[in-house]
């Protein structure tokens, strides 16, 4: 299964984005970010499934939250790989 993680600058931004996505009917959840992608941003973000990708990216762009970054998680039997995805 493939998941997407939205990294944000603050917990307030994470709560705001989660609420906006849920209002638009997008299945998502607040979660702690995997250490592999946790850089200088907040350790909390929003996670959603691949089936929600198109609707979620559209909603994220409309929300216009500064510093927002999106990563795709690809799971293998022995590890996970994270690839940054463009929001535009």
PDB file of N, CA and C in Angstrom:
ATOM      1  N   UNK A   1       0.840  -1.177   0.000  1.00  0.00           N
ATOM      2  CA  UNK A   1       0.000   0.000   0.000  1.00  0.00           C
ATOM      3  C   UNK A   1       0.889   1.244   0.000  1.00  0.00           C
ATOM      4  N   UNK A   2       0.444   2.253  -0.685  1.00  0.00           N
ATOM      5  CA  UNK A   2       1.201   3.496  -0.791  1.00  0.00           C
ATOM      6  C   UNK A   2       0.477   4.598  -0.025  1.00  0.00           C
ATOM      7  N   UNK A   3       1.251   5.311   0.807  1.00  0.00           N
ATOM      8  CA  UNK A   3       0.726   6.434   1.572  1.00  0.00           C
ATOM      9  C   UNK A   3       1.476   7.701   1.193  1.00  0.00           C
ATOM     10  N   UNK A   4       0.835   8.823   1.443  1.00  0.00           N
ATOM     11  CA  UNK A   4       1.449  10.135   1.260  1.00  0.00           C
ATOM     12  C   UNK A   4       1.468  10.842   2.607  1.00  0.00           C
ATOM     13  N   UNK A   5       2.571  11.522   2.898  1.00  0.00           N
ATOM     14  CA  UNK A   5       2.740  12.271   4.133  1.00  0.00           C
ATOM     15  C   UNK A   5       2.911  13.746   3.799  1.00  0.00           C
ATOM     16  N   UNK A   6       2.143  14.580   4.460  1.00  0.00           N
ATOM     17  CA  UNK A   6       2.238  16.021   4.280  1.00  0.00           C
ATOM     18  C   UNK A   6       2.979  16.607   5.472  1.00  0.00           C
ATOM     19  N   UNK A   7       4.156  17.132   5.218  1.00  0.00           N
ATOM     20  CA  UNK A   7       4.951  17.767   6.267  1.00  0.00           C
ATOM     21  C   UNK A   7       4.613  19.246   6.323  1.00  0.00           C
ATOM     22  N   UNK A   8       4.488  19.748   7.533  1.00  0.00           N
ATOM     23  CA  UNK A   8       4.095  21.140   7.733  1.00  0.00           C
ATOM     24  C   UNK A   8       5.030  21.809   8.727  1.00  0.00           C
ATOM     25  N   UNK A   9       4.934  23.128   8.827  1.00  0.00           N
ATOM     26  CA  UNK A   9       5.832  23.879   9.692  1.00  0.00           C
ATOM     27  C   UNK A   9       5.433  23.861  11.163  1.00  0.00           C
ATOM     28  N   UNK A  10       4.174  23.563  11.451  1.00  0.00           N
ATOM     29  CA  UNK A  10       3.740  23.577  12.853  1.00  0.00           C
ATOM     30  C   UNK A  10       2.586  22.613  13.073  1.00  0.00           C
ATOM     31  N   UNK A  11       2.359  22.291  14.316  1.00  0.00           N
ATOM     32  CA  UNK A  11       1.215  21.424  14.657  1.00  0.00           C
ATOM     33  C   UNK A  11      -0.095  22.112  14.314  1.00  0.00           C
ATOM     34  N   UNK A  12      -0.154  23.422  14.484  1.00  0.00           N
ATOM     35  CA  UNK A  12      -1.373  24.160  14.146  1.00  0.00           C
ATOM     36  C   UNK A  12      -1.702  23.982  12.668  1.00  0.00           C
ATOM     37  N   UNK A  13      -0.681  24.029  11.808  1.00  0.00           N
ATOM     38  CA  UNK A  13      -0.898  23.807  10.380  1.00  0.00           C
ATOM     39  C   UNK A  13      -1.372  22.378  10.116  1.00  0.00           C
ATOM     40  N   UNK A  14      -0.826  21.417  10.856  1.00  0.00           N
ATOM     41  CA  UNK A  14      -1.243  20.022  10.690  1.00  0.00           C
ATOM     42  C   UNK A  14      -2.718  19.855  11.051  1.00  0.00           C
ATOM     43  N   UNK A  15      -3.135  20.430  12.175  1.00  0.00           N
ATOM     44  CA  UNK A  15      -4.542  20.339  12.586  1.00  0.00           C
ATOM     45  C   UNK A  15      -5.450  21.041  11.575  1.00  0.00           C
ATOM     46  N   UNK A  16      -5.014  22.191  11.090  1.00  0.00           N
ATOM     47  CA  UNK A  16      -5.794  22.941  10.103  1.00  0.00           C
ATOM     48  C   UNK A  16      -5.961  22.137   8.812  1.00  0.00           C
ATOM     49  N   UNK A  17      -4.870  21.569   8.301  1.00  0.00           N
ATOM     50  CA  UNK A  17      -4.947  20.814   7.052  1.00  0.00           C
ATOM     51  C   UNK A  17      -5.803  19.556   7.221  1.00  0.00           C
ATOM     52  N   UNK A  18      -5.637  18.859   8.317  1.00  0.00           N
ATOM     53  CA  UNK A  18      -6.447  17.658   8.540  1.00  0.00           C
ATOM     54  C   UNK A  18      -7.931  18.013   8.525  1.00  0.00           C
ATOM     55  N   UNK A  19      -8.289  19.084   9.187  1.00  0.00           N
ATOM     56  CA  UNK A  19      -9.696  19.503   9.236  1.00  0.00           C
ATOM     57  C   UNK A  19     -10.210  19.853   7.840  1.00  0.00           C
ATOM     58  N   UNK A  20      -9.423  20.597   7.078  1.00  0.00           N
ATOM     59  CA  UNK A  20      -9.846  20.978   5.716  1.00  0.00           C
ATOM     60  C   UNK A  20     -10.013  19.759   4.817  1.00  0.00           C
ATOM     61  N   UNK A  21      -9.090  18.810   4.912  1.00  0.00           N
ATOM     62  CA  UNK A  21      -9.211  17.601   4.097  1.00  0.00           C
ATOM     63  C   UNK A  21     -10.461  16.809   4.477  1.00  0.00           C
ATOM     64  N   UNK A  22     -10.709  16.666   5.762  1.00  0.00           N
ATOM     65  CA  UNK A  22     -11.891  15.912   6.203  1.00  0.00           C
ATOM     66  C   UNK A  22     -13.187  16.609   5.808  1.00  0.00           C
ATOM     67  N   UNK A  23     -13.219  17.935   5.861  1.00  0.00           N
ATOM     68  CA  UNK A  23     -14.406  18.676   5.431  1.00  0.00           C
ATOM     69  C   UNK A  23     -14.708  18.383   3.964  1.00  0.00           C
ATOM     70  N   UNK A  24     -13.659  18.194   3.165  1.00  0.00           N
ATOM     71  CA  UNK A  24     -13.837  17.904   1.739  1.00  0.00           C
ATOM     72  C   UNK A  24     -14.042  16.412   1.468  1.00  0.00           C
ATOM     73  N   UNK A  25     -14.195  15.622   2.523  1.00  0.00           N
ATOM     74  CA  UNK A  25     -14.484  14.205   2.361  1.00  0.00           C
ATOM     75  C   UNK A  25     -13.283  13.335   2.040  1.00  0.00           C
ATOM     76  N   UNK A  26     -12.099  13.829   2.329  1.00  0.00           N
ATOM     77  CA  UNK A  26     -10.868  13.090   2.053  1.00  0.00           C
ATOM     78  C   UNK A  26     -10.467  12.318   3.307  1.00  0.00           C
ATOM     79  N   UNK A  27     -10.323  11.028   3.151  1.00  0.00           N
ATOM     80  CA  UNK A  27      -9.933  10.169   4.273  1.00  0.00           C
ATOM     81  C   UNK A  27      -8.456  10.413   4.589  1.00  0.00           C
ATOM     82  N   UNK A  28      -8.174  10.862   5.819  1.00  0.00           N
ATOM     83  CA  UNK A  28      -6.802  11.172   6.218  1.00  0.00           C
ATOM     84  C   UNK A  28      -6.688  11.054   7.723  1.00  0.00           C
ATOM     85  N   UNK A  29      -5.460  11.183   8.228  1.00  0.00           N
ATOM     86  CA  UNK A  29      -5.259  11.146   9.675  1.00  0.00           C
ATOM     87  C   UNK A  29      -4.031  11.952  10.071  1.00  0.00           C
ATOM     88  N   UNK A  30      -4.091  12.518  11.266  1.00  0.00           N
ATOM     89  CA  UNK A  30      -2.912  13.160  11.852  1.00  0.00           C
ATOM     90  C   UNK A  30      -1.957  12.056  12.268  1.00  0.00           C
ATOM     91  N   UNK A  31      -0.677  12.273  12.044  1.00  0.00           N
ATOM     92  CA  UNK A  31       0.297  11.258  12.409  1.00  0.00           C
ATOM     93  C   UNK A  31       1.657  11.901  12.656  1.00  0.00           C
ATOM     94  N   UNK A  32       2.503  11.168  13.355  1.00  0.00           N
ATOM     95  CA  UNK A  32       3.890  11.613  13.504  1.00  0.00           C
ATOM     96  C   UNK A  32       4.641  11.235  12.240  1.00  0.00           C
ATOM     97  N   UNK A  33       5.546  12.085  11.822  1.00  0.00           N
ATOM     98  CA  UNK A  33       6.281  11.878  10.582  1.00  0.00           C
ATOM     99  C   UNK A  33       7.377  10.836  10.762  1.00  0.00           C
ATOM    100  N   UNK A  34       7.595  10.006   9.741  1.00  0.00           N
ATOM    101  CA  UNK A  34       8.707   9.052   9.790  1.00  0.00           C
ATOM    102  C   UNK A  34      10.036   9.800   9.901  1.00  0.00           C
ATOM    103  N   UNK A  35      10.961   9.259  10.661  1.00  0.00           N
ATOM    104  CA  UNK A  35      12.258   9.916  10.866  1.00  0.00           C
ATOM    105  C   UNK A  35      13.016  10.142   9.568  1.00  0.00           C
ATOM    106  N   UNK A  36      12.799   9.285   8.585  1.00  0.00           N
ATOM    107  CA  UNK A  36      13.525   9.396   7.316  1.00  0.00           C
ATOM    108  C   UNK A  36      13.210  10.692   6.565  1.00  0.00           C
ATOM    109  N   UNK A  37      12.028  11.266   6.785  1.00  0.00           N
ATOM    110  CA  UNK A  37      11.667  12.506   6.081  1.00  0.00           C
ATOM    111  C   UNK A  37      11.565  13.698   7.007  1.00  0.00           C
ATOM    112  N   UNK A  38      11.719  13.466   8.276  1.00  0.00           N
ATOM    113  CA  UNK A  38      11.641  14.549   9.251  1.00  0.00           C
ATOM    114  C   UNK A  38      12.917  15.369   9.173  1.00  0.00           C
ATOM    115  N   UNK A  39      12.785  16.558   8.658  1.00  0.00           N
ATOM    116  CA  UNK A  39      13.951  17.420   8.496  1.00  0.00           C
ATOM    117  C   UNK A  39      13.832  18.572   9.480  1.00  0.00           C
ATOM    118  N   UNK A  40      13.598  19.763   9.010  1.00  0.00           N
ATOM    119  CA  UNK A  40      13.502  20.922   9.887  1.00  0.00           C
ATOM    120  C   UNK A  40      12.059  21.353  10.112  1.00  0.00           C
ATOM    121  N   UNK A  41      11.123  20.509   9.739  1.00  0.00           N
ATOM    122  CA  UNK A  41       9.717  20.864   9.903  1.00  0.00           C
ATOM    123  C   UNK A  41       9.152  20.199  11.156  1.00  0.00           C
ATOM    124  N   UNK A  42       7.875  20.400  11.387  1.00  0.00           N
ATOM    125  CA  UNK A  42       7.190  19.846  12.553  1.00  0.00           C
ATOM    126  C   UNK A  42       7.176  18.317  12.475  1.00  0.00           C
ATOM    127  N   UNK A  43       7.157  17.669  13.641  1.00  0.00           N
ATOM    128  CA  UNK A  43       7.151  16.207  13.653  1.00  0.00           C
ATOM    129  C   UNK A  43       5.748  15.624  13.481  1.00  0.00           C
ATOM    130  N   UNK A  44       4.754  16.459  13.281  1.00  0.00           N
ATOM    131  CA  UNK A  44       3.389  15.989  13.084  1.00  0.00           C
ATOM    132  C   UNK A  44       2.884  16.479  11.735  1.00  0.00           C
ATOM    133  N   UNK A  45       2.139  15.612  11.049  1.00  0.00           N
ATOM    134  CA  UNK A  45       1.604  15.979   9.749  1.00  0.00           C
ATOM    135  C   UNK A  45       0.343  15.188   9.448  1.00  0.00           C
ATOM    136  N   UNK A  46      -0.022  15.166   8.178  1.00  0.00           N
ATOM    137  CA  UNK A  46      -1.237  14.491   7.741  1.00  0.00           C
ATOM    138  C   UNK A  46      -0.862  13.395   6.748  1.00  0.00           C
ATOM    139  N   UNK A  47      -1.470  12.233   6.923  1.00  0.00           N
ATOM    140  CA  UNK A  47      -1.203  11.066   6.090  1.00  0.00           C
ATOM    141  C   UNK A  47      -2.492  10.685   5.361  1.00  0.00           C
ATOM    142  N   UNK A  48      -2.364  10.325   4.072  1.00  0.00           N
ATOM    143  CA  UNK A  48      -3.531   9.846   3.335  1.00  0.00           C
ATOM    144  C   UNK A  48      -3.101   8.765   2.336  1.00  0.00           C
ATOM    145  N   UNK A  49      -4.093   7.987   1.879  1.00  0.00           N
ATOM    146  CA  UNK A  49      -3.831   6.881   0.960  1.00  0.00           C
ATOM    147  C   UNK A  49      -3.734   7.371  -0.481  1.00  0.00           C
ATOM    148  N   UNK A  50      -3.146   6.538  -1.307  1.00  0.00           N
ATOM    149  CA  UNK A  50      -2.952   6.870  -2.714  1.00  0.00           C
ATOM    150  C   UNK A  50      -4.276   7.150  -3.430  1.00  0.00           C
ATOM    151  N   UNK A  51      -5.340   6.472  -3.055  1.00  0.00           N
ATOM    152  CA  UNK A  51      -6.634   6.682  -3.723  1.00  0.00           C
ATOM    153  C   UNK A  51      -7.163   8.104  -3.527  1.00  0.00           C
ATOM    154  N   UNK A  52      -6.669   8.808  -2.522  1.00  0.00           N
ATOM    155  CA  UNK A  52      -7.095  10.180  -2.222  1.00  0.00           C
ATOM    156  C   UNK A  52      -6.169  11.236  -2.838  1.00  0.00           C
ATOM    157  N   UNK A  53      -5.121  10.801  -3.550  1.00  0.00           N
ATOM    158  CA  UNK A  53      -4.057  11.699  -3.998  1.00  0.00           C
ATOM    159  C   UNK A  53      -4.563  12.927  -4.765  1.00  0.00           C
ATOM    160  N   UNK A  54      -5.329  12.746  -5.813  1.00  0.00           N
ATOM    161  CA  UNK A  54      -5.742  13.872  -6.663  1.00  0.00           C
ATOM    162  C   UNK A  54      -6.586  14.873  -5.880  1.00  0.00           C
ATOM    163  N   UNK A  55      -7.566  14.380  -5.134  1.00  0.00           N
ATOM    164  CA  UNK A  55      -8.406  15.286  -4.337  1.00  0.00           C
ATOM    165  C   UNK A  55      -7.600  15.967  -3.243  1.00  0.00           C
ATOM    166  N   UNK A  56      -6.704  15.223  -2.608  1.00  0.00           N
ATOM    167  CA  UNK A  56      -5.918  15.779  -1.507  1.00  0.00           C
ATOM    168  C   UNK A  56      -4.956  16.859  -1.990  1.00  0.00           C
ATOM    169  N   UNK A  57      -4.265  16.625  -3.089  1.00  0.00           N
ATOM    170  CA  UNK A  57      -3.322  17.625  -3.604  1.00  0.00           C
ATOM    171  C   UNK A  57      -4.068  18.901  -3.984  1.00  0.00           C
ATOM    172  N   UNK A  58      -5.226  18.747  -4.593  1.00  0.00           N
ATOM    173  CA  UNK A  58      -6.033  19.912  -4.946  1.00  0.00           C
ATOM    174  C   UNK A  58      -6.421  20.699  -3.689  1.00  0.00           C
ATOM    175  N   UNK A  59      -6.858  19.996  -2.651  1.00  0.00           N
ATOM    176  CA  UNK A  59      -7.250  20.644  -1.399  1.00  0.00           C
ATOM    177  C   UNK A  59      -6.049  21.290  -0.707  1.00  0.00           C
ATOM    178  N   UNK A  60      -4.900  20.630  -0.734  1.00  0.00           N
ATOM    179  CA  UNK A  60      -3.683  21.181  -0.122  1.00  0.00           C
ATOM    180  C   UNK A  60      -3.285  22.472  -0.827  1.00  0.00           C
ATOM    181  N   UNK A  61      -3.346  22.476  -2.141  1.00  0.00           N
ATOM    182  CA  UNK A  61      -3.006  23.692  -2.896  1.00  0.00           C
ATOM    183  C   UNK A  61      -3.977  24.827  -2.589  1.00  0.00           C
ATOM    184  N   UNK A  62      -5.258  24.524  -2.474  1.00  0.00           N
ATOM    185  CA  UNK A  62      -6.240  25.564  -2.133  1.00  0.00           C
ATOM    186  C   UNK A  62      -6.020  26.103  -0.726  1.00  0.00           C
ATOM    187  N   UNK A  63      -5.573  25.252   0.178  1.00  0.00           N
ATOM    188  CA  UNK A  63      -5.329  25.679   1.562  1.00  0.00           C
ATOM    189  C   UNK A  63      -4.160  26.671   1.632  1.00  0.00           C
ATOM    190  N   UNK A  64      -3.227  26.569   0.701  1.00  0.00           N
ATOM    191  CA  UNK A  64      -2.087  27.496   0.598  1.00  0.00           C
ATOM    192  C   UNK A  64      -1.342  27.680   1.920  1.00  0.00           C
ATOM    193  N   UNK A  65      -1.081  26.582   2.590  1.00  0.00           N
ATOM    194  CA  UNK A  65      -0.334  26.633   3.846  1.00  0.00           C
ATOM    195  C   UNK A  65       1.153  26.740   3.511  1.00  0.00           C
ATOM    196  N   UNK A  66       1.837  27.756   4.018  1.00  0.00           N
ATOM    197  CA  UNK A  66       3.246  27.954   3.667  1.00  0.00           C
ATOM    198  C   UNK A  66       4.142  26.821   4.176  1.00  0.00           C
ATOM    199  N   UNK A  67       5.148  26.484   3.373  1.00  0.00           N
ATOM    200  CA  UNK A  67       6.141  25.494   3.781  1.00  0.00           C
ATOM    201  C   UNK A  67       5.677  24.058   3.721  1.00  0.00           C
ATOM    202  N   UNK A  68       4.543  23.785   3.126  1.00  0.00           N
ATOM    203  CA  UNK A  68       3.985  22.444   3.048  1.00  0.00           C
ATOM    204  C   UNK A  68       4.780  21.605   2.044  1.00  0.00           C
ATOM    205  N   UNK A  69       5.123  20.371   2.439  1.00  0.00           N
ATOM    206  CA  UNK A  69       5.850  19.461   1.557  1.00  0.00           C
ATOM    207  C   UNK A  69       5.150  18.107   1.575  1.00  0.00           C
ATOM    208  N   UNK A  70       5.205  17.402   0.448  1.00  0.00           N
ATOM    209  CA  UNK A  70       4.506  16.135   0.313  1.00  0.00           C
ATOM    210  C   UNK A  70       5.491  15.028  -0.054  1.00  0.00           C
ATOM    211  N   UNK A  71       5.387  13.883   0.651  1.00  0.00           N
ATOM    212  CA  UNK A  71       6.244  12.734   0.391  1.00  0.00           C
ATOM    213  C   UNK A  71       5.401  11.491   0.165  1.00  0.00           C
ATOM    214  N   UNK A  72       5.840  10.693  -0.794  1.00  0.00           N
ATOM    215  CA  UNK A  72       5.200   9.416  -1.106  1.00  0.00           C
ATOM    216  C   UNK A  72       6.003   8.322  -0.407  1.00  0.00           C
ATOM    217  N   UNK A  73       5.301   7.453   0.320  1.00  0.00           N
ATOM    218  CA  UNK A  73       5.956   6.324   0.994  1.00  0.00           C
ATOM    219  C   UNK A  73       5.712   5.065   0.172  1.00  0.00           C
ATOM    220  N   UNK A  74       6.778   4.397  -0.183  1.00  0.00           N
ATOM    221  CA  UNK A  74       6.680   3.123  -0.886  1.00  0.00           C
ATOM    222  C   UNK A  74       7.249   2.058   0.050  1.00  0.00           C
ATOM    223  N   UNK A  75       6.421   1.089   0.388  1.00  0.00           N
ATOM    224  CA  UNK A  75       6.836   0.063   1.343  1.00  0.00           C
ATOM    225  C   UNK A  75       7.317  -1.196   0.624  1.00  0.00           C
ATOM    226  N   UNK A  76       8.453  -1.668   1.065  1.00  0.00           N
ATOM    227  CA  UNK A  76       9.031  -2.921   0.595  1.00  0.00           C
ATOM    228  C   UNK A  76       9.007  -3.894   1.759  1.00  0.00           C
ATOM    229  N   UNK A  77       9.249  -5.171   1.512  1.00  0.00           N
ATOM    230  CA  UNK A  77       9.216  -6.138   2.617  1.00  0.00           C
ATOM    231  C   UNK A  77      10.167  -5.812   3.765  1.00  0.00           C
ATOM    232  N   UNK A  78      11.306  -5.191   3.453  1.00  0.00           N
ATOM    233  CA  UNK A  78      12.308  -4.950   4.496  1.00  0.00           C
ATOM    234  C   UNK A  78      12.552  -3.486   4.836  1.00  0.00           C
ATOM    235  N   UNK A  79      11.905  -2.563   4.095  1.00  0.00           N
ATOM    236  CA  UNK A  79      12.132  -1.139   4.369  1.00  0.00           C
ATOM    237  C   UNK A  79      11.074  -0.285   3.676  1.00  0.00           C
ATOM    238  N   UNK A  80      11.121   0.999   3.956  1.00  0.00           N
ATOM    239  CA  UNK A  80      10.262   1.974   3.280  1.00  0.00           C
ATOM    240  C   UNK A  80      11.140   3.010   2.607  1.00  0.00           C
ATOM    241  N   UNK A  81      10.669   3.515   1.473  1.00  0.00           N
ATOM    242  CA  UNK A  81      11.379   4.561   0.745  1.00  0.00           C
ATOM    243  C   UNK A  81      10.445   5.766   0.647  1.00  0.00           C
ATOM    244  N   UNK A  82      11.023   6.971   0.759  1.00  0.00           N
ATOM    245  CA  UNK A  82      10.229   8.203   0.706  1.00  0.00           C
ATOM    246  C   UNK A  82      10.741   9.079  -0.431  1.00  0.00           C
ATOM    247  N   UNK A  83       9.797   9.530  -1.266  1.00  0.00           N
ATOM    248  CA  UNK A  83      10.139  10.342  -2.426  1.00  0.00           C
ATOM    249  C   UNK A  83       9.301  11.619  -2.351  1.00  0.00           C
ATOM    250  N   UNK A  84       9.967  12.780  -2.463  1.00  0.00           N
ATOM    251  CA  UNK A  84       9.223  14.041  -2.433  1.00  0.00           C
ATOM    252  C   UNK A  84       8.427  14.208  -3.725  1.00  0.00           C
ATOM    253  N   UNK A  85       7.191  14.682  -3.574  1.00  0.00           N
ATOM    254  CA  UNK A  85       6.266  14.848  -4.694  1.00  0.00           C
ATOM    255  C   UNK A  85       5.929  16.337  -4.810  1.00  0.00           C
ATOM    256  N   UNK A  86       5.881  16.817  -6.033  1.00  0.00           N
ATOM    257  CA  UNK A  86       5.531  18.215  -6.265  1.00  0.00           C
ATOM    258  C   UNK A  86       4.052  18.445  -5.995  1.00  0.00           C
ATOM    259  N   UNK A  87       3.738  19.561  -5.370  1.00  0.00           N
ATOM    260  CA  UNK A  87       2.348  19.903  -5.092  1.00  0.00           C
ATOM    261  C   UNK A  87       1.708  20.692  -6.221  1.00  0.00           C
ATOM    262  N   UNK A  88       2.411  21.000  -7.258  1.00  0.00           N
ATOM    263  CA  UNK A  88       1.848  21.768  -8.379  1.00  0.00           C
ATOM    264  C   UNK A  88       1.652  20.914  -9.579  1.00  0.00           C
TER     265      UNK A  88
END
